[in-house]
C-alpha cells in the first residue's frame, strides 16, 4: 500500500495548486481518493460512443 500512497503523493505534487476545470477535478479526485463510494466518469470515445468508467478504491 505504500507504493500507492507514494504515487498519489507524487501526482498531487505534480498537480500542485493549479486551477482545474470541473472535468479535470473529477479525474484528479478519482485518482487520488482511497475510500468511499466509487467514482464514475462518462467520456465519449473517438467514434462518438459514450463510455462509462468506474474507479473503485482499494483498501
C-alpha atoms as a PDB file:
ATOM      1  CA  UNK A   1       0.000   0.000   0.000  1.00  0.00           C
ATOM      2  CA  UNK A   2       2.983   2.297   0.489  1.00  0.00           C
ATOM      3  CA  UNK A   3       3.600   2.317  -3.265  1.00  0.00           C
ATOM      4  CA  UNK A   4       0.043   3.538  -3.932  1.00  0.00           C
ATOM      5  CA  UNK A   5       0.405   6.219  -1.257  1.00  0.00           C
ATOM      6  CA  UNK A   6       3.699   7.323  -2.798  1.00  0.00           C
ATOM      7  CA  UNK A   7       2.191   7.509  -6.280  1.00  0.00           C
ATOM      8  CA  UNK A   8      -0.793   9.507  -5.042  1.00  0.00           C
ATOM      9  CA  UNK A   9       1.520  11.930  -3.214  1.00  0.00           C
ATOM     10  CA  UNK A  10       3.645  12.303  -6.356  1.00  0.00           C
ATOM     11  CA  UNK A  11       0.583  13.003  -8.509  1.00  0.00           C
ATOM     12  CA  UNK A  12      -0.739  15.574  -6.042  1.00  0.00           C
ATOM     13  CA  UNK A  13       2.675  17.281  -6.003  1.00  0.00           C
ATOM     14  CA  UNK A  14       2.757  17.403  -9.813  1.00  0.00           C
ATOM     15  CA  UNK A  15      -0.695  18.995  -9.976  1.00  0.00           C
ATOM     16  CA  UNK A  16       0.130  21.375  -7.131  1.00  0.00           C
ATOM     17  CA  UNK A  17      -2.219  24.309  -6.708  1.00  0.00           C
ATOM     18  CA  UNK A  18      -3.273  24.635 -10.356  1.00  0.00           C
ATOM     19  CA  UNK A  19      -6.778  25.715 -11.211  1.00  0.00           C
ATOM     20  CA  UNK A  20      -8.593  22.680 -12.574  1.00  0.00           C
ATOM     21  CA  UNK A  21     -11.761  22.573 -14.613  1.00  0.00           C
ATOM     22  CA  UNK A  22     -14.693  20.574 -13.271  1.00  0.00           C
ATOM     23  CA  UNK A  23     -13.803  17.643 -15.540  1.00  0.00           C
ATOM     24  CA  UNK A  24     -10.137  17.767 -14.514  1.00  0.00           C
ATOM     25  CA  UNK A  25     -11.130  17.953 -10.845  1.00  0.00           C
ATOM     26  CA  UNK A  26     -13.279  14.816 -11.224  1.00  0.00           C
ATOM     27  CA  UNK A  27     -10.374  12.916 -12.757  1.00  0.00           C
ATOM     28  CA  UNK A  28      -7.960  14.198 -10.106  1.00  0.00           C
ATOM     29  CA  UNK A  29     -10.317  13.115  -7.327  1.00  0.00           C
ATOM     30  CA  UNK A  30     -10.865   9.702  -8.932  1.00  0.00           C
ATOM     31  CA  UNK A  31      -7.138   9.022  -8.984  1.00  0.00           C
ATOM     32  CA  UNK A  32      -6.330  10.388  -5.527  1.00  0.00           C
ATOM     33  CA  UNK A  33      -9.098   9.213  -3.229  1.00  0.00           C
ATOM     34  CA  UNK A  34      -8.684   5.924  -1.440  1.00  0.00           C
ATOM     35  CA  UNK A  35     -12.012   5.312   0.284  1.00  0.00           C
ATOM     36  CA  UNK A  36     -15.692   6.000  -0.073  1.00  0.00           C
ATOM     37  CA  UNK A  37     -18.030   5.317  -2.949  1.00  0.00           C
ATOM     38  CA  UNK A  38     -16.816   4.507  -6.438  1.00  0.00           C
ATOM     39  CA  UNK A  39     -16.300   7.364  -8.886  1.00  0.00           C
ATOM     40  CA  UNK A  40     -17.838   7.266 -12.362  1.00  0.00           C
ATOM     41  CA  UNK A  41     -16.606   9.249 -15.353  1.00  0.00           C
ATOM     42  CA  UNK A  42     -18.565   9.478 -18.577  1.00  0.00           C
ATOM     43  CA  UNK A  43     -16.452  10.077 -21.672  1.00  0.00           C
ATOM     44  CA  UNK A  44     -17.023   9.967 -25.414  1.00  0.00           C
ATOM     45  CA  UNK A  45     -14.585   7.904 -27.479  1.00  0.00           C
ATOM     46  CA  UNK A  46     -13.241   8.861 -30.905  1.00  0.00           C
ATOM     47  CA  UNK A  47     -16.162   7.100 -32.610  1.00  0.00           C
ATOM     48  CA  UNK A  48     -18.736   9.128 -30.687  1.00  0.00           C
ATOM     49  CA  UNK A  49     -19.794   6.324 -28.328  1.00  0.00           C
ATOM     50  CA  UNK A  50     -20.360   7.076 -24.659  1.00  0.00           C
ATOM     51  CA  UNK A  51     -18.159   5.100 -22.281  1.00  0.00           C
ATOM     52  CA  UNK A  52     -18.670   4.973 -18.529  1.00  0.00           C
ATOM     53  CA  UNK A  53     -15.517   4.346 -16.470  1.00  0.00           C
ATOM     54  CA  UNK A  54     -15.795   3.198 -12.881  1.00  0.00           C
ATOM     55  CA  UNK A  55     -12.975   3.843 -10.414  1.00  0.00           C
ATOM     56  CA  UNK A  56     -13.070   1.746  -7.271  1.00  0.00           C
ATOM     57  CA  UNK A  57     -10.931   2.331  -4.238  1.00  0.00           C
ATOM     58  CA  UNK A  58      -8.619  -0.398  -2.959  1.00  0.00           C
ATOM     59  CA  UNK A  59      -8.241  -0.700   0.756  1.00  0.00           C
END
